[in-house]
Amino acid sequence: MEHVLHTDPFEIKFECCPSCKGIYFDAGEFRDYLEDEIYQRFQEVIDQL
């Protein structure tokens, strides 16, 4: 697993599998990103990976 820290426009931490390109959160992290605005921006980050 590769640790990813994305800081623009806010900080998002997650793990990414280089083989399957799966995105994984530690316990409780995903809950922190469920707000609509944050979720939309996170989706933009994922689309760029």
PDB file of N, CA and C in Angstrom:
ATOM      1  N   MET A   1       0.834  -1.180   0.000  1.00  0.00           N
ATOM      2  CA  MET A   1       0.000   0.000   0.000  1.00  0.00           C
ATOM      3  C   MET A   1       0.880   1.246   0.000  1.00  0.00           C
ATOM      4  N   GLU A   2       0.441   2.219  -0.707  1.00  0.00           N
ATOM      5  CA  GLU A   2       1.149   3.489  -0.798  1.00  0.00           C
ATOM      6  C   GLU A   2       0.350   4.530  -0.019  1.00  0.00           C
ATOM      7  N   HIS A   3       0.985   5.208   0.925  1.00  0.00           N
ATOM      8  CA  HIS A   3       0.316   6.257   1.688  1.00  0.00           C
ATOM      9  C   HIS A   3       0.260   7.511   0.826  1.00  0.00           C
ATOM     10  N   VAL A   4      -0.922   8.131   0.789  1.00  0.00           N
ATOM     11  CA  VAL A   4      -1.124   9.328  -0.028  1.00  0.00           C
ATOM     12  C   VAL A   4      -1.585  10.457   0.886  1.00  0.00           C
ATOM     13  N   LEU A   5      -0.964  11.594   0.755  1.00  0.00           N
ATOM     14  CA  LEU A   5      -1.372  12.799   1.472  1.00  0.00           C
ATOM     15  C   LEU A   5      -1.602  13.873   0.428  1.00  0.00           C
ATOM     16  N   HIS A   6      -2.843  14.272   0.287  1.00  0.00           N
ATOM     17  CA  HIS A   6      -3.203  15.321  -0.669  1.00  0.00           C
ATOM     18  C   HIS A   6      -3.578  16.540   0.148  1.00  0.00           C
ATOM     19  N   THR A   7      -2.961  17.691  -0.105  1.00  0.00           N
ATOM     20  CA  THR A   7      -3.163  18.865   0.762  1.00  0.00           C
ATOM     21  C   THR A   7      -3.838  20.047   0.092  1.00  0.00           C
ATOM     22  N   ASP A   8      -4.228  19.929  -1.146  1.00  0.00           N
ATOM     23  CA  ASP A   8      -4.826  21.083  -1.832  1.00  0.00           C
ATOM     24  C   ASP A   8      -6.212  20.721  -2.337  1.00  0.00           C
ATOM     25  N   PRO A   9      -7.256  21.343  -1.926  1.00  0.00           N
ATOM     26  CA  PRO A   9      -7.377  22.520  -1.078  1.00  0.00           C
ATOM     27  C   PRO A   9      -7.501  22.199   0.398  1.00  0.00           C
ATOM     28  N   PHE A  10      -7.552  20.931   0.784  1.00  0.00           N
ATOM     29  CA  PHE A  10      -7.586  20.527   2.185  1.00  0.00           C
ATOM     30  C   PHE A  10      -6.864  19.198   2.294  1.00  0.00           C
ATOM     31  N   GLU A  11      -6.558  18.816   3.519  1.00  0.00           N
ATOM     32  CA  GLU A  11      -5.762  17.608   3.716  1.00  0.00           C
ATOM     33  C   GLU A  11      -6.624  16.350   3.696  1.00  0.00           C
ATOM     34  N   ILE A  12      -6.240  15.396   2.850  1.00  0.00           N
ATOM     35  CA  ILE A  12      -6.884  14.090   2.780  1.00  0.00           C
ATOM     36  C   ILE A  12      -5.781  13.042   2.886  1.00  0.00           C
ATOM     37  N   LYS A  13      -5.947  12.090   3.791  1.00  0.00           N
ATOM     38  CA  LYS A  13      -4.987  10.990   3.931  1.00  0.00           C
ATOM     39  C   LYS A  13      -5.700   9.693   3.587  1.00  0.00           C
ATOM     40  N   PHE A  14      -5.051   8.857   2.784  1.00  0.00           N
ATOM     41  CA  PHE A  14      -5.602   7.554   2.462  1.00  0.00           C
ATOM     42  C   PHE A  14      -4.485   6.672   1.929  1.00  0.00           C
ATOM     43  N   GLU A  15      -4.796   5.406   1.721  1.00  0.00           N
ATOM     44  CA  GLU A  15      -3.837   4.472   1.145  1.00  0.00           C
ATOM     45  C   GLU A  15      -4.332   4.070  -0.237  1.00  0.00           C
ATOM     46  N   CYS A  16      -3.397   3.837  -1.147  1.00  0.00           N
ATOM     47  CA  CYS A  16      -3.716   3.465  -2.516  1.00  0.00           C
ATOM     48  C   CYS A  16      -2.897   2.224  -2.871  1.00  0.00           C
ATOM     49  N   CYS A  17      -3.544   1.239  -3.470  1.00  0.00           N
ATOM     50  CA  CYS A  17      -2.844   0.036  -3.917  1.00  0.00           C
ATOM     51  C   CYS A  17      -2.322   0.285  -5.333  1.00  0.00           C
ATOM     52  N   PRO A  18      -1.012   0.213  -5.534  1.00  0.00           N
ATOM     53  CA  PRO A  18      -0.459   0.476  -6.863  1.00  0.00           C
ATOM     54  C   PRO A  18      -0.867  -0.573  -7.904  1.00  0.00           C
ATOM     55  N   SER A  19      -1.195  -1.774  -7.470  1.00  0.00           N
ATOM     56  CA  SER A  19      -1.577  -2.836  -8.409  1.00  0.00           C
ATOM     57  C   SER A  19      -2.990  -2.659  -8.935  1.00  0.00           C
ATOM     58  N   CYS A  20      -3.938  -2.550  -8.000  1.00  0.00           N
ATOM     59  CA  CYS A  20      -5.350  -2.519  -8.413  1.00  0.00           C
ATOM     60  C   CYS A  20      -5.938  -1.115  -8.422  1.00  0.00           C
ATOM     61  N   LYS A  21      -5.160  -0.119  -7.953  1.00  0.00           N
ATOM     62  CA  LYS A  21      -5.602   1.284  -7.863  1.00  0.00           C
ATOM     63  C   LYS A  21      -6.763   1.459  -6.886  1.00  0.00           C
ATOM     64  N   GLY A  22      -6.923   0.511  -5.946  1.00  0.00           N
ATOM     65  CA  GLY A  22      -7.947   0.634  -4.911  1.00  0.00           C
ATOM     66  C   GLY A  22      -7.567   1.724  -3.926  1.00  0.00           C
ATOM     67  N   ILE A  23      -8.576   2.383  -3.375  1.00  0.00           N
ATOM     68  CA  ILE A  23      -8.386   3.450  -2.399  1.00  0.00           C
ATOM     69  C   ILE A  23      -8.929   2.954  -1.070  1.00  0.00           C
ATOM     70  N   TYR A  24      -8.141   3.103  -0.005  1.00  0.00           N
ATOM     71  CA  TYR A  24      -8.519   2.579   1.301  1.00  0.00           C
ATOM     72  C   TYR A  24      -8.303   3.634   2.377  1.00  0.00           C
ATOM     73  N   PHE A  25      -9.252   3.697   3.312  1.00  0.00           N
ATOM     74  CA  PHE A  25      -9.172   4.594   4.456  1.00  0.00           C
ATOM     75  C   PHE A  25      -8.969   3.785   5.723  1.00  0.00           C
ATOM     76  N   ASP A  26      -8.293   4.372   6.710  1.00  0.00           N
ATOM     77  CA  ASP A  26      -8.236   3.784   8.029  1.00  0.00           C
ATOM     78  C   ASP A  26      -9.594   3.996   8.706  1.00  0.00           C
ATOM     79  N   ALA A  27      -9.816   3.305   9.799  1.00  0.00           N
ATOM     80  CA  ALA A  27     -11.088   3.418  10.518  1.00  0.00           C
ATOM     81  C   ALA A  27     -11.379   4.877  10.860  1.00  0.00           C
ATOM     82  N   GLY A  28     -12.550   5.333  10.517  1.00  0.00           N
ATOM     83  CA  GLY A  28     -12.995   6.679  10.842  1.00  0.00           C
ATOM     84  C   GLY A  28     -12.624   7.745   9.827  1.00  0.00           C
ATOM     85  N   GLU A  29     -11.650   7.501   8.977  1.00  0.00           N
ATOM     86  CA  GLU A  29     -11.236   8.541   8.025  1.00  0.00           C
ATOM     87  C   GLU A  29     -12.324   8.841   7.006  1.00  0.00           C
ATOM     88  N   PHE A  30     -12.962   7.812   6.480  1.00  0.00           N
ATOM     89  CA  PHE A  30     -13.969   8.036   5.449  1.00  0.00           C
ATOM     90  C   PHE A  30     -15.106   8.908   5.981  1.00  0.00           C
ATOM     91  N   ARG A  31     -15.490   8.683   7.223  1.00  0.00           N
ATOM     92  CA  ARG A  31     -16.570   9.471   7.835  1.00  0.00           C
ATOM     93  C   ARG A  31     -16.233  10.966   7.800  1.00  0.00           C
ATOM     94  N   ASP A  32     -14.950  11.297   7.948  1.00  0.00           N
ATOM     95  CA  ASP A  32     -14.519  12.699   7.943  1.00  0.00           C
ATOM     96  C   ASP A  32     -14.728  13.370   6.588  1.00  0.00           C
ATOM     97  N   TYR A  33     -14.845  12.589   5.502  1.00  0.00           N
ATOM     98  CA  TYR A  33     -14.933  13.148   4.151  1.00  0.00           C
ATOM     99  C   TYR A  33     -16.322  13.023   3.533  1.00  0.00           C
ATOM    100  N   LEU A  34     -17.338  12.751   4.352  1.00  0.00           N
ATOM    101  CA  LEU A  34     -18.674  12.532   3.807  1.00  0.00           C
ATOM    102  C   LEU A  34     -19.456  13.814   3.508  1.00  0.00           C
ATOM    103  N   GLU A  35     -18.996  14.957   3.982  1.00  0.00           N
ATOM    104  CA  GLU A  35     -19.682  16.204   3.647  1.00  0.00           C
ATOM    105  C   GLU A  35     -19.666  16.375   2.137  1.00  0.00           C
ATOM    106  N   ASP A  36     -20.761  16.870   1.568  1.00  0.00           N
ATOM    107  CA  ASP A  36     -20.904  16.941   0.111  1.00  0.00           C
ATOM    108  C   ASP A  36     -19.753  17.664  -0.575  1.00  0.00           C
ATOM    109  N   GLU A  37     -19.391  18.839  -0.073  1.00  0.00           N
ATOM    110  CA  GLU A  37     -18.334  19.620  -0.732  1.00  0.00           C
ATOM    111  C   GLU A  37     -17.002  18.876  -0.681  1.00  0.00           C
ATOM    112  N   ILE A  38     -16.670  18.326   0.457  1.00  0.00           N
ATOM    113  CA  ILE A  38     -15.411  17.605   0.601  1.00  0.00           C
ATOM    114  C   ILE A  38     -15.438  16.350  -0.256  1.00  0.00           C
ATOM    115  N   TYR A  39     -16.558  15.636  -0.281  1.00  0.00           N
ATOM    116  CA  TYR A  39     -16.660  14.415  -1.075  1.00  0.00           C
ATOM    117  C   TYR A  39     -16.449  14.715  -2.554  1.00  0.00           C
ATOM    118  N   GLN A  40     -17.041  15.790  -3.060  1.00  0.00           N
ATOM    119  CA  GLN A  40     -16.884  16.147  -4.469  1.00  0.00           C
ATOM    120  C   GLN A  40     -15.430  16.454  -4.792  1.00  0.00           C
ATOM    121  N   ARG A  41     -14.765  17.171  -3.924  1.00  0.00           N
ATOM    122  CA  ARG A  41     -13.355  17.491  -4.171  1.00  0.00           C
ATOM    123  C   ARG A  41     -12.485  16.249  -4.062  1.00  0.00           C
ATOM    124  N   PHE A  42     -12.828  15.350  -3.124  1.00  0.00           N
ATOM    125  CA  PHE A  42     -12.086  14.109  -3.010  1.00  0.00           C
ATOM    126  C   PHE A  42     -12.245  13.286  -4.279  1.00  0.00           C
ATOM    127  N   GLN A  43     -13.424  13.272  -4.856  1.00  0.00           N
ATOM    128  CA  GLN A  43     -13.656  12.538  -6.095  1.00  0.00           C
ATOM    129  C   GLN A  43     -12.762  13.093  -7.210  1.00  0.00           C
ATOM    130  N   GLU A  44     -12.566  14.404  -7.242  1.00  0.00           N
ATOM    131  CA  GLU A  44     -11.666  15.007  -8.225  1.00  0.00           C
ATOM    132  C   GLU A  44     -10.238  14.515  -8.025  1.00  0.00           C
ATOM    133  N   VAL A  45      -9.799  14.380  -6.771  1.00  0.00           N
ATOM    134  CA  VAL A  45      -8.464  13.869  -6.480  1.00  0.00           C
ATOM    135  C   VAL A  45      -8.330  12.446  -6.979  1.00  0.00           C
ATOM    136  N   ILE A  46      -9.326  11.609  -6.691  1.00  0.00           N
ATOM    137  CA  ILE A  46      -9.307  10.211  -7.106  1.00  0.00           C
ATOM    138  C   ILE A  46      -9.260  10.099  -8.614  1.00  0.00           C
ATOM    139  N   ASP A  47      -9.997  10.925  -9.312  1.00  0.00           N
ATOM    140  CA  ASP A  47     -10.021  10.884 -10.783  1.00  0.00           C
ATOM    141  C   ASP A  47      -8.652  11.174 -11.369  1.00  0.00           C
ATOM    142  N   GLN A  48      -7.809  11.918 -10.661  1.00  0.00           N
ATOM    143  CA  GLN A  48      -6.482  12.264 -11.163  1.00  0.00           C
ATOM    144  C   GLN A  48      -5.447  11.180 -10.920  1.00  0.00           C
ATOM    145  N   LEU A  49      -5.757  10.202 -10.046  1.00  0.00           N
ATOM    146  CA  LEU A  49      -4.774   9.134  -9.747  1.00  0.00           C
ATOM    147  C   LEU A  49      -4.643   8.165 -10.881  1.00  0.00           C
TER     148      LEU A  49
END
